[in-house]
Structure formats: structure tokens, C-alpha cells
């Protein structure tokens, strides 16, 4: 099973990793590798407890990018975009569990 993960630079210098198809499934790490390992563990724990909690994972989702014109006028958006480009380019490994 492949799930999307968003990586972003946290204010504390850690890398924040979030799985947007599982609300609240978020983790972090000092490095990209550690953040991905930690969020993979968080995803697995969320999936294990979903039956008990009564929620289902979406059977289908689409990942798209949305261009926002004029975003460069807002300094915070530009900073966030720079951090994302710096963190996101490398490929991730797939989890062995499905």
C-alpha cells in the first residue's frame, strides 16, 4: 500500500512528516530518513486501530498541486514553499506491510 506523505521543515529544525489521508497522522525526525521511518510507524499504528475507532481509510484519493498566483507577496508562503522544495525531492522507500 502506498500512501502520500507531506514533508515540511518544522520551526525547531526537525522535519515534519504527515499523511494527509489519515487525519492527525503526523510525526517528525531530525533527518528525512528518520521522519519517514517515524511517520511509517505512525501510519501502521493508525491502520491497526482504525477498526476499533470506527473509521475507514479512503479507498481512493488523488494528489494534485494547486498554483496560487501572487503567493510570492506573502513572505510566509514563500518561506514554506522553499522549505518544502528543500525537503521533498528524494524518493521514498515502500513499506513492506500492506
Protein backbone atom coordinates (compact mmCIF):
# COMPACT_ATOMS: atom_id res chain seq x y z
CA UNK A 1 0.00 0.00 0.00
CA UNK A 2 1.38 3.40 -0.97
CA UNK A 3 0.14 6.45 0.92
CA UNK A 4 1.10 10.08 0.36
CA UNK A 5 3.32 11.78 2.93
CA UNK A 6 3.98 15.50 3.07
CA UNK A 7 7.36 16.60 4.41
CA UNK A 8 7.93 20.09 5.70
CA UNK A 9 10.62 21.82 7.73
CA UNK A 10 9.47 22.44 11.30
CA UNK A 11 10.33 25.60 13.21
CA UNK A 12 12.51 23.57 15.59
CA UNK A 13 14.77 22.29 12.79
CA UNK A 14 13.11 18.86 12.64
CA UNK A 15 11.38 17.56 9.52
CA UNK A 16 7.64 17.13 9.99
CA UNK A 17 6.00 14.24 8.11
CA UNK A 18 2.23 13.98 7.73
CA UNK A 19 -0.05 11.50 5.99
CA UNK A 20 -2.93 13.65 4.72
CA UNK A 21 -5.34 10.76 4.10
CA UNK A 22 -5.27 9.83 7.80
CA UNK A 23 -6.37 12.86 9.84
CA UNK A 24 -3.95 13.56 12.68
CA UNK A 25 -1.31 11.10 11.47
CA UNK A 26 1.85 13.13 11.88
CA UNK A 27 5.39 12.57 13.09
CA UNK A 28 8.83 14.12 12.81
CA UNK A 29 12.52 13.34 12.70
CA UNK A 30 15.92 15.01 12.73
CA UNK A 31 16.56 13.80 9.18
CA UNK A 32 14.37 13.00 6.19
CA UNK A 33 15.05 9.29 6.68
CA UNK A 34 14.13 9.40 10.37
CA UNK A 35 10.96 11.42 9.68
CA UNK A 36 9.83 8.89 7.05
CA UNK A 37 10.60 5.96 9.35
CA UNK A 38 8.65 7.60 12.17
CA UNK A 39 5.62 8.50 10.05
CA UNK A 40 5.57 4.97 8.58
CA UNK A 41 5.31 3.64 12.15
CA UNK A 42 2.56 6.18 12.94
CA UNK A 43 0.64 5.13 9.80
CA UNK A 44 0.91 1.46 10.74
CA UNK A 45 -0.38 2.18 14.26
CA UNK A 46 -3.27 4.25 12.87
CA UNK A 47 -4.23 1.48 10.47
CA UNK A 48 -4.12 -1.11 13.25
CA UNK A 49 -6.50 0.90 15.43
CA UNK A 50 -8.94 2.06 12.72
CA UNK A 51 -11.42 -0.80 13.25
CA UNK A 52 -11.59 -0.12 17.00
CA UNK A 53 -12.12 3.58 16.39
CA UNK A 54 -14.70 3.08 13.64
CA UNK A 55 -13.12 4.88 10.71
CA UNK A 56 -12.17 3.73 7.25
CA UNK A 57 -9.24 4.65 5.07
CA UNK A 58 -10.35 6.34 1.85
CA UNK A 59 -10.48 3.74 -0.93
CA UNK A 60 -9.33 6.32 -3.48
CA UNK A 61 -7.58 9.66 -3.31
CA UNK A 62 -5.93 11.98 -5.80
CA UNK A 63 -2.81 14.05 -5.21
CA UNK A 64 -2.76 17.34 -7.09
CA UNK A 65 -0.85 20.60 -6.96
CA UNK A 66 -2.64 23.91 -6.88
CA UNK A 67 -0.91 27.03 -8.18
CA UNK A 68 -1.64 30.18 -6.22
CA UNK A 69 -0.98 33.39 -8.15
CA UNK A 70 0.62 36.17 -6.15
CA UNK A 71 1.72 33.91 -3.32
CA UNK A 72 5.21 35.43 -3.52
CA UNK A 73 3.78 38.62 -2.00
CA UNK A 74 3.21 36.78 1.26
CA UNK A 75 6.55 36.05 2.92
CA UNK A 76 5.29 33.12 4.98
CA UNK A 77 4.04 31.25 1.92
CA UNK A 78 7.33 31.78 0.13
CA UNK A 79 9.29 30.50 3.14
CA UNK A 80 7.11 27.41 3.42
CA UNK A 81 7.46 26.70 -0.31
CA UNK A 82 11.25 26.99 -0.10
CA UNK A 83 11.36 24.56 2.83
CA UNK A 84 9.18 22.06 1.00
CA UNK A 85 11.37 22.13 -2.12
CA UNK A 86 14.45 21.60 0.04
CA UNK A 87 12.95 18.57 1.83
CA UNK A 88 10.81 16.82 -0.81
CA UNK A 89 12.95 15.79 -3.84
CA UNK A 90 14.38 12.40 -2.76
CA UNK A 91 12.41 9.19 -3.39
CA UNK A 92 10.93 7.23 -0.52
CA UNK A 93 11.05 3.51 0.07
CA UNK A 94 7.85 1.49 0.21
CA UNK A 95 6.59 -0.10 3.37
CA UNK A 96 6.62 -3.90 3.37
CA UNK A 97 3.31 -4.14 5.22
CA UNK A 98 0.05 -3.68 3.33
